[in-house]
Amino acid sequence: MLAVAKKSRRYGWLKESDSIALQQAVINLDVAFSNFFNPKLKAGKPTFKSKHGRQSSYH
């Protein structure tokens, strides 16, 4: 999915990002939606993190 998107003109800017970070973002999104649609977990809807507050750095 990401490889195809990176080759397209529309999402060519994805080439500038670290591939591992993009893959982990897709995995995290999948887990968030899986938890949301699982009635046993009663998880809230997935939300974006705020830009404010503490941030961990990526090395």
C-alpha atoms as a PDB file:
ATOM      1  CA  MET A   1       0.000   0.000   0.000  1.00  0.00           C
ATOM      2  CA  LEU A   2       2.703   2.508   0.940  1.00  0.00           C
ATOM      3  CA  ALA A   3       4.965   1.484  -1.941  1.00  0.00           C
ATOM      4  CA  VAL A   4       2.203   2.196  -4.455  1.00  0.00           C
ATOM      5  CA  ALA A   5       1.377   5.516  -2.794  1.00  0.00           C
ATOM      6  CA  LYS A   6       5.038   6.600  -2.820  1.00  0.00           C
ATOM      7  CA  LYS A   7       5.224   6.020  -6.591  1.00  0.00           C
ATOM      8  CA  SER A   8       2.131   8.086  -7.382  1.00  0.00           C
ATOM      9  CA  ARG A   9       2.334  11.780  -8.214  1.00  0.00           C
ATOM     10  CA  ARG A  10      -0.334  12.663  -5.683  1.00  0.00           C
ATOM     11  CA  TYR A  11       1.493  11.136  -2.711  1.00  0.00           C
ATOM     12  CA  GLY A  12       5.068  11.518  -3.920  1.00  0.00           C
ATOM     13  CA  TRP A  13       5.888  13.562  -0.821  1.00  0.00           C
ATOM     14  CA  LEU A  14       5.787  10.307   1.176  1.00  0.00           C
ATOM     15  CA  LYS A  15       9.254   9.510  -0.234  1.00  0.00           C
ATOM     16  CA  GLU A  16      10.668  12.231   2.006  1.00  0.00           C
ATOM     17  CA  SER A  17       9.567  10.445   5.196  1.00  0.00           C
ATOM     18  CA  ASP A  18      11.193   7.522   6.962  1.00  0.00           C
ATOM     19  CA  SER A  19       9.588   4.293   5.729  1.00  0.00           C
ATOM     20  CA  ILE A  20       9.606   2.677   9.176  1.00  0.00           C
ATOM     21  CA  ALA A  21       7.730   5.625  10.677  1.00  0.00           C
ATOM     22  CA  LEU A  22       5.106   5.412   7.914  1.00  0.00           C
ATOM     23  CA  GLN A  23       4.706   1.655   8.388  1.00  0.00           C
ATOM     24  CA  GLN A  24       4.295   2.071  12.144  1.00  0.00           C
ATOM     25  CA  ALA A  25       1.676   4.794  11.625  1.00  0.00           C
ATOM     26  CA  VAL A  26      -0.365   2.440   9.423  1.00  0.00           C
ATOM     27  CA  ILE A  27      -0.054  -0.345  12.019  1.00  0.00           C
ATOM     28  CA  ASN A  28      -1.122   2.012  14.818  1.00  0.00           C
ATOM     29  CA  LEU A  29      -4.118   3.182  12.779  1.00  0.00           C
ATOM     30  CA  ASP A  30      -5.162  -0.419  12.118  1.00  0.00           C
ATOM     31  CA  VAL A  31      -4.968  -1.272  15.832  1.00  0.00           C
ATOM     32  CA  ALA A  32      -6.933   1.853  16.766  1.00  0.00           C
ATOM     33  CA  PHE A  33      -9.770   1.066  14.365  1.00  0.00           C
ATOM     34  CA  SER A  34      -9.768  -2.621  15.348  1.00  0.00           C
ATOM     35  CA  ASN A  35     -10.142  -1.614  18.997  1.00  0.00           C
ATOM     36  CA  PHE A  36     -12.851   0.907  18.128  1.00  0.00           C
ATOM     37  CA  PHE A  37     -14.988  -1.628  16.270  1.00  0.00           C
ATOM     38  CA  ASN A  38     -14.509  -4.373  18.883  1.00  0.00           C
ATOM     39  CA  PRO A  39     -17.632  -4.196  21.115  1.00  0.00           C
ATOM     40  CA  LYS A  40     -15.866  -5.991  23.989  1.00  0.00           C
ATOM     41  CA  LEU A  41     -13.250  -3.246  24.409  1.00  0.00           C
ATOM     42  CA  LYS A  42     -15.580  -0.215  24.410  1.00  0.00           C
ATOM     43  CA  ALA A  43     -12.724   1.929  23.089  1.00  0.00           C
ATOM     44  CA  GLY A  44     -13.331   5.493  21.951  1.00  0.00           C
ATOM     45  CA  LYS A  45     -12.879   6.654  18.400  1.00  0.00           C
ATOM     46  CA  PRO A  46      -9.298   7.155  17.170  1.00  0.00           C
ATOM     47  CA  THR A  47      -8.068  10.743  17.525  1.00  0.00           C
ATOM     48  CA  PHE A  48      -4.994  12.646  16.424  1.00  0.00           C
ATOM     49  CA  LYS A  49      -2.538  13.602  19.117  1.00  0.00           C
ATOM     50  CA  SER A  50      -2.278  17.256  20.015  1.00  0.00           C
ATOM     51  CA  LYS A  51       0.773  19.222  18.917  1.00  0.00           C
ATOM     52  CA  HIS A  52       0.926  20.776  22.385  1.00  0.00           C
ATOM     53  CA  GLY A  53       2.278  19.197  25.530  1.00  0.00           C
ATOM     54  CA  ARG A  54       5.002  16.633  25.974  1.00  0.00           C
ATOM     55  CA  GLN A  55       6.339  14.900  22.919  1.00  0.00           C
ATOM     56  CA  SER A  56       8.719  12.000  22.708  1.00  0.00           C
ATOM     57  CA  SER A  57      11.460  12.366  20.140  1.00  0.00           C
ATOM     58  CA  TYR A  58      12.045  10.003  17.258  1.00  0.00           C
ATOM     59  CA  HIS A  59      15.641   8.932  16.690  1.00  0.00           C
END
